[in-house]
C-alpha atoms as a PDB file:
ATOM      1  CA  MET A   1      -0.074  -0.124  -0.105  1.00  0.00           C
ATOM      2  CA  LYS A   2       2.717   2.255   0.911  1.00  0.00           C
ATOM      3  CA  LYS A   3       4.520   1.665  -2.527  1.00  0.00           C
ATOM      4  CA  VAL A   4       1.386   2.427  -4.227  1.00  0.00           C
ATOM      5  CA  LEU A   5       0.894   5.594  -2.464  1.00  0.00           C
ATOM      6  CA  PHE A   6       4.434   6.510  -3.029  1.00  0.00           C
ATOM      7  CA  VAL A   7       4.135   6.091  -7.078  1.00  0.00           C
ATOM      8  CA  ILE A   8       1.207   8.149  -6.933  1.00  0.00           C
ATOM      9  CA  VAL A   9       2.564  10.855  -5.055  1.00  0.00           C
ATOM     10  CA  ALA A  10       5.670  10.675  -7.187  1.00  0.00           C
ATOM     11  CA  ILE A  11       3.360  10.727 -10.451  1.00  0.00           C
ATOM     12  CA  VAL A  12       1.631  14.025  -9.296  1.00  0.00           C
ATOM     13  CA  VAL A  13       4.645  15.701  -8.207  1.00  0.00           C
ATOM     14  CA  ALA A  14       6.436  14.932 -11.716  1.00  0.00           C
ATOM     15  CA  GLN A  15       3.419  15.983 -13.666  1.00  0.00           C
ATOM     16  CA  THR A  16       3.663  19.573 -11.596  1.00  0.00           C
ATOM     17  CA  PHE A  17       7.279  19.952 -12.646  1.00  0.00           C
ATOM     18  CA  THR A  18       6.898  18.917 -16.461  1.00  0.00           C
ATOM     19  CA  SER A  19       3.843  20.711 -17.031  1.00  0.00           C
ATOM     20  CA  CYS A  20       3.629  22.795 -20.120  1.00  0.00           C
ATOM     21  CA  ARG A  21       4.092  26.483 -19.942  1.00  0.00           C
ATOM     22  CA  LYS A  22       2.762  28.633 -22.250  1.00  0.00           C
ATOM     23  CA  LYS A  23       4.559  30.636 -24.473  1.00  0.00           C
ATOM     24  CA  LYS A  24       4.292  34.440 -24.118  1.00  0.00           C
ATOM     25  CA  ASP A  25       4.293  36.713 -27.207  1.00  0.00           C
ATOM     26  CA  THR A  26       7.352  38.202 -28.819  1.00  0.00           C
ATOM     27  CA  ILE A  27       6.824  41.579 -29.922  1.00  0.00           C
ATOM     28  CA  ALA A  28       8.956  44.405 -31.970  1.00  0.00           C
ATOM     29  CA  HIS A  29       7.667  48.340 -31.328  1.00  0.00           C
ATOM     30  CA  ILE A  30       9.279  50.530 -33.990  1.00  0.00           C
ATOM     31  CA  TYR A  31       8.701  53.986 -33.187  1.00  0.00           C
ATOM     32  CA  VAL A  32       9.361  56.420 -36.025  1.00  0.00           C
ATOM     33  CA  ARG A  33       9.963  60.068 -35.629  1.00  0.00           C
ATOM     34  CA  ASP A  34      11.195  62.896 -37.777  1.00  0.00           C
ATOM     35  CA  GLU A  35      14.182  64.978 -37.792  1.00  0.00           C
ATOM     36  CA  THR A  36      12.244  67.481 -35.185  1.00  0.00           C
ATOM     37  CA  ASP A  37      11.361  64.062 -32.918  1.00  0.00           C
ATOM     38  CA  ASN A  38       7.638  64.217 -33.843  1.00  0.00           C
ATOM     39  CA  PRO A  39       5.933  61.047 -34.494  1.00  0.00           C
ATOM     40  CA  VAL A  40       5.447  59.982 -38.366  1.00  0.00           C
ATOM     41  CA  ASN A  41       2.040  58.430 -39.026  1.00  0.00           C
ATOM     42  CA  ASP A  42       1.580  56.365 -41.895  1.00  0.00           C
ATOM     43  CA  ALA A  43       5.104  55.705 -42.408  1.00  0.00           C
ATOM     44  CA  THR A  44       6.090  51.996 -43.917  1.00  0.00           C
ATOM     45  CA  VAL A  45       8.435  50.459 -41.654  1.00  0.00           C
ATOM     46  CA  ILE A  46       9.943  46.814 -43.065  1.00  0.00           C
ATOM     47  CA  LEU A  47      11.806  44.605 -40.422  1.00  0.00           C
ATOM     48  CA  TYR A  48      14.085  42.159 -42.136  1.00  0.00           C
ATOM     49  CA  GLY A  49      16.628  39.362 -41.645  1.00  0.00           C
ATOM     50  CA  THR A  50      20.021  39.414 -43.334  1.00  0.00           C
ATOM     51  CA  THR A  51      22.019  36.415 -43.773  1.00  0.00           C
ATOM     52  CA  THR A  52      25.250  36.512 -42.549  1.00  0.00           C
ATOM     53  CA  GLY A  53      27.196  33.889 -44.303  1.00  0.00           C
ATOM     54  CA  ASP A  54      26.564  31.593 -41.261  1.00  0.00           C
ATOM     55  CA  PRO A  55      25.963  27.983 -42.910  1.00  0.00           C
ATOM     56  CA  LEU A  56      23.017  27.628 -40.559  1.00  0.00           C
ATOM     57  CA  GLY A  57      21.220  30.499 -42.255  1.00  0.00           C
ATOM     58  CA  GLY A  58      22.112  33.990 -40.587  1.00  0.00           C
ATOM     59  CA  ASN A  59      21.677  34.862 -37.435  1.00  0.00           C
ATOM     60  CA  GLY A  60      19.023  32.475 -36.391  1.00  0.00           C
ATOM     61  CA  PRO A  61      16.692  29.550 -37.927  1.00  0.00           C
ATOM     62  CA  GLY A  62      15.549  31.250 -41.122  1.00  0.00           C
ATOM     63  CA  ILE A  63      16.084  34.718 -39.917  1.00  0.00           C
ATOM     64  CA  GLY A  64      17.794  35.420 -43.442  1.00  0.00           C
ATOM     65  CA  ASN A  65      14.273  35.113 -45.075  1.00  0.00           C
ATOM     66  CA  PHE A  66      12.244  36.885 -42.788  1.00  0.00           C
ATOM     67  CA  LYS A  67      10.569  40.050 -43.599  1.00  0.00           C
ATOM     68  CA  ASP A  68       7.529  42.004 -42.646  1.00  0.00           C
ATOM     69  CA  THR A  69       6.052  45.126 -43.536  1.00  0.00           C
ATOM     70  CA  VAL A  70       3.610  47.546 -41.160  1.00  0.00           C
ATOM     71  CA  GLN A  71       2.456  50.952 -41.538  1.00  0.00           C
ATOM     72  CA  THR A  72       2.726  53.351 -38.308  1.00  0.00           C
ATOM     73  CA  SER A  73      -0.060  54.430 -36.177  1.00  0.00           C
ATOM     74  CA  SER A  74      -1.051  58.028 -35.823  1.00  0.00           C
ATOM     75  CA  SER A  75       1.786  57.891 -33.076  1.00  0.00           C
ATOM     76  CA  GLY A  76       4.210  56.736 -35.128  1.00  0.00           C
ATOM     77  CA  LEU A  77       4.091  53.317 -33.798  1.00  0.00           C
ATOM     78  CA  ALA A  78       4.389  50.040 -35.885  1.00  0.00           C
ATOM     79  CA  VAL A  79       4.017  46.725 -33.878  1.00  0.00           C
ATOM     80  CA  PHE A  80       5.168  43.612 -35.559  1.00  0.00           C
ATOM     81  CA  ASN A  81       4.274  39.912 -33.620  1.00  0.00           C
ATOM     82  CA  LEU A  82       7.537  37.932 -33.986  1.00  0.00           C
ATOM     83  CA  SER A  83       6.442  34.958 -31.823  1.00  0.00           C
ATOM     84  CA  GLU A  84       6.672  32.408 -34.737  1.00  0.00           C
ATOM     85  CA  LEU A  85      10.205  33.122 -34.893  1.00  0.00           C
ATOM     86  CA  TYR A  86      10.881  32.313 -31.069  1.00  0.00           C
ATOM     87  CA  GLN A  87      10.756  28.663 -30.056  1.00  0.00           C
ATOM     88  CA  SER A  88      10.609  27.698 -26.451  1.00  0.00           C
ATOM     89  CA  GLY A  89      14.038  26.790 -24.951  1.00  0.00           C
ATOM     90  CA  GLN A  90      15.835  29.001 -27.995  1.00  0.00           C
ATOM     91  CA  ALA A  91      18.591  31.345 -26.671  1.00  0.00           C
ATOM     92  CA  GLY A  92      17.573  34.028 -28.114  1.00  0.00           C
ATOM     93  CA  VAL A  93      15.953  35.231 -31.130  1.00  0.00           C
ATOM     94  CA  ALA A  94      17.374  37.715 -33.572  1.00  0.00           C
ATOM     95  CA  ILE A  95      18.765  40.797 -34.387  1.00  0.00           C
ATOM     96  CA  LEU A  96      16.951  42.372 -37.450  1.00  0.00           C
ATOM     97  CA  ASP A  97      17.214  44.992 -39.802  1.00  0.00           C
ATOM     98  CA  VAL A  98      14.788  48.136 -39.830  1.00  0.00           C
ATOM     99  CA  LYS A  99      14.060  50.526 -42.767  1.00  0.00           C
ATOM    100  CA  ALA A 100      11.582  53.063 -42.399  1.00  0.00           C
ATOM    101  CA  TYR A 101      10.291  55.533 -44.832  1.00  0.00           C
ATOM    102  CA  LYS A 102       7.580  58.122 -45.959  1.00  0.00           C
ATOM    103  CA  LEU A 103       7.565  59.963 -49.006  1.00  0.00           C
ATOM    104  CA  ASN A 104      11.561  61.322 -49.278  1.00  0.00           C
ATOM    105  CA  ARG A 105      12.124  60.538 -45.730  1.00  0.00           C
ATOM    106  CA  LEU A 106      14.371  57.224 -44.890  1.00  0.00           C
ATOM    107  CA  GLY A 107      15.640  55.912 -41.766  1.00  0.00           C
ATOM    108  CA  THR A 108      17.307  52.588 -41.126  1.00  0.00           C
ATOM    109  CA  GLY A 109      18.817  50.812 -37.836  1.00  0.00           C
ATOM    110  CA  LEU A 110      18.752  47.676 -36.183  1.00  0.00           C
ATOM    111  CA  ILE A 111      16.765  45.790 -33.317  1.00  0.00           C
ATOM    112  CA  LYS A 112      17.423  43.244 -30.991  1.00  0.00           C
ATOM    113  CA  ILE A 113      14.750  40.990 -30.475  1.00  0.00           C
ATOM    114  CA  GLU A 114      14.248  39.353 -27.028  1.00  0.00           C
ATOM    115  CA  PRO A 115      12.106  36.193 -26.421  1.00  0.00           C
ATOM    116  CA  GLU A 116       8.631  36.524 -24.565  1.00  0.00           C
ATOM    117  CA  THR A 117       9.127  40.294 -24.496  1.00  0.00           C
ATOM    118  CA  ILE A 118       8.367  43.590 -26.012  1.00  0.00           C
ATOM    119  CA  SER A 119      11.660  44.933 -27.851  1.00  0.00           C
ATOM    120  CA  GLU A 120      11.612  48.456 -28.613  1.00  0.00           C
ATOM    121  CA  GLN A 121      13.849  50.596 -31.189  1.00  0.00           C
ATOM    122  CA  SER A 122      13.403  54.331 -32.434  1.00  0.00           C
ATOM    123  CA  ILE A 123      14.090  55.309 -36.112  1.00  0.00           C
ATOM    124  CA  ILE A 124      14.551  58.796 -37.296  1.00  0.00           C
ATOM    125  CA  ILE A 125      13.902  59.287 -40.695  1.00  0.00           C
ATOM    126  CA  GLN A 126      14.760  62.556 -42.369  1.00  0.00           C
ATOM    127  CA  PRO A 127      15.771  63.552 -46.194  1.00  0.00           C
END
């Protein structure tokens, strides 16, 4: 009887420690501002990976092929959901290139994407 009780308790404890943890969203916020530090609405923001020559495909699995485009809101914010790039247990996500433009104004930069958080970067666009 004691052995059966011990086995049941061991199974309950094991399930508690190995239960699945729900993965949180991995988000990038890009703030686009003009040369006078005002937010730029309706700017086009492109987030993309660049292959570095690494035989494994750049700076993360499939990152060299990644590209997404979003328009900024009235507050100059572009939001990207990058949850599909991050797999649980992965050491990091990526460092991605950012390009933002509107009419004759352009700005570029980089953003380091941290897993299961909101990573933020500001881009200044100017003629």
